[in-house]
């Protein structure tokens, strides 16, 4: 039972730390364009650069 005295504050601290990290990620725009990087790999930019004019 005395272990709960230590475990509950540690759990609350880690939960708050995770929530703060998630809020920071939202604030800095980490989730603005989730599909952009996945679709960018499909574009073939090398062909446009190597074609003769």
C-alpha atoms as a PDB file:
ATOM      1  CA  UNK A   1       0.000   0.000   0.000  1.00  0.00           C
ATOM      2  CA  UNK A   2       2.877   2.379   0.642  1.00  0.00           C
ATOM      3  CA  UNK A   3       4.103   1.810  -2.905  1.00  0.00           C
ATOM      4  CA  UNK A   4       1.021   3.659  -4.157  1.00  0.00           C
ATOM      5  CA  UNK A   5       2.297   6.790  -2.424  1.00  0.00           C
ATOM      6  CA  UNK A   6       5.205   6.743  -4.895  1.00  0.00           C
ATOM      7  CA  UNK A   7       3.551   5.243  -7.960  1.00  0.00           C
ATOM      8  CA  UNK A   8       0.549   7.569  -8.253  1.00  0.00           C
ATOM      9  CA  UNK A   9       2.582  10.818  -8.391  1.00  0.00           C
ATOM     10  CA  UNK A  10       5.061   9.222 -10.808  1.00  0.00           C
ATOM     11  CA  UNK A  11       2.196   8.099 -13.065  1.00  0.00           C
ATOM     12  CA  UNK A  12       0.599  11.553 -12.968  1.00  0.00           C
ATOM     13  CA  UNK A  13       3.941  13.195 -13.740  1.00  0.00           C
ATOM     14  CA  UNK A  14       4.602  10.904 -16.724  1.00  0.00           C
ATOM     15  CA  UNK A  15       1.064  11.417 -18.019  1.00  0.00           C
ATOM     16  CA  UNK A  16       1.481  15.181 -17.754  1.00  0.00           C
ATOM     17  CA  UNK A  17       4.860  14.956 -19.475  1.00  0.00           C
ATOM     18  CA  UNK A  18       3.309  13.009 -22.359  1.00  0.00           C
ATOM     19  CA  UNK A  19       0.466  15.510 -22.633  1.00  0.00           C
ATOM     20  CA  UNK A  20       2.943  18.411 -22.656  1.00  0.00           C
ATOM     21  CA  UNK A  21       4.975  16.729 -25.413  1.00  0.00           C
ATOM     22  CA  UNK A  22       1.819  16.197 -27.478  1.00  0.00           C
ATOM     23  CA  UNK A  23       0.736  19.819 -27.022  1.00  0.00           C
ATOM     24  CA  UNK A  24       4.224  20.999 -28.026  1.00  0.00           C
ATOM     25  CA  UNK A  25       4.044  18.864 -31.176  1.00  0.00           C
ATOM     26  CA  UNK A  26       0.657  20.368 -32.051  1.00  0.00           C
ATOM     27  CA  UNK A  27       1.916  23.902 -31.429  1.00  0.00           C
ATOM     28  CA  UNK A  28       5.028  23.494 -33.603  1.00  0.00           C
ATOM     29  CA  UNK A  29       3.041  22.080 -36.542  1.00  0.00           C
ATOM     30  CA  UNK A  30       4.264  18.498 -36.509  1.00  0.00           C
ATOM     31  CA  UNK A  31       0.861  17.219 -37.687  1.00  0.00           C
ATOM     32  CA  UNK A  32       0.063  19.861 -40.324  1.00  0.00           C
ATOM     33  CA  UNK A  33       0.640  17.756 -43.462  1.00  0.00           C
ATOM     34  CA  UNK A  34       0.666  14.034 -42.654  1.00  0.00           C
ATOM     35  CA  UNK A  35       0.019  12.967 -46.273  1.00  0.00           C
ATOM     36  CA  UNK A  36       2.557  15.268 -47.900  1.00  0.00           C
ATOM     37  CA  UNK A  37       5.644  13.210 -47.132  1.00  0.00           C
ATOM     38  CA  UNK A  38       3.905   9.993 -48.141  1.00  0.00           C
ATOM     39  CA  UNK A  39       2.929  11.420 -51.513  1.00  0.00           C
ATOM     40  CA  UNK A  40       6.238  13.205 -52.135  1.00  0.00           C
ATOM     41  CA  UNK A  41       8.056   9.887 -52.471  1.00  0.00           C
ATOM     42  CA  UNK A  42       5.871   9.076 -55.493  1.00  0.00           C
ATOM     43  CA  UNK A  43       6.889  12.189 -57.436  1.00  0.00           C
ATOM     44  CA  UNK A  44       9.751  11.723 -59.865  1.00  0.00           C
ATOM     45  CA  UNK A  45      11.621  15.038 -59.780  1.00  0.00           C
ATOM     46  CA  UNK A  46      14.850  13.590 -61.221  1.00  0.00           C
ATOM     47  CA  UNK A  47      13.397  13.187 -64.714  1.00  0.00           C
ATOM     48  CA  UNK A  48      12.588  16.876 -64.976  1.00  0.00           C
ATOM     49  CA  UNK A  49      16.106  17.918 -63.951  1.00  0.00           C
ATOM     50  CA  UNK A  50      17.939  15.523 -66.318  1.00  0.00           C
ATOM     51  CA  UNK A  51      15.880  16.123 -69.482  1.00  0.00           C
ATOM     52  CA  UNK A  52      17.682  18.130 -72.144  1.00  0.00           C
ATOM     53  CA  UNK A  53      16.132  21.477 -73.099  1.00  0.00           C
END
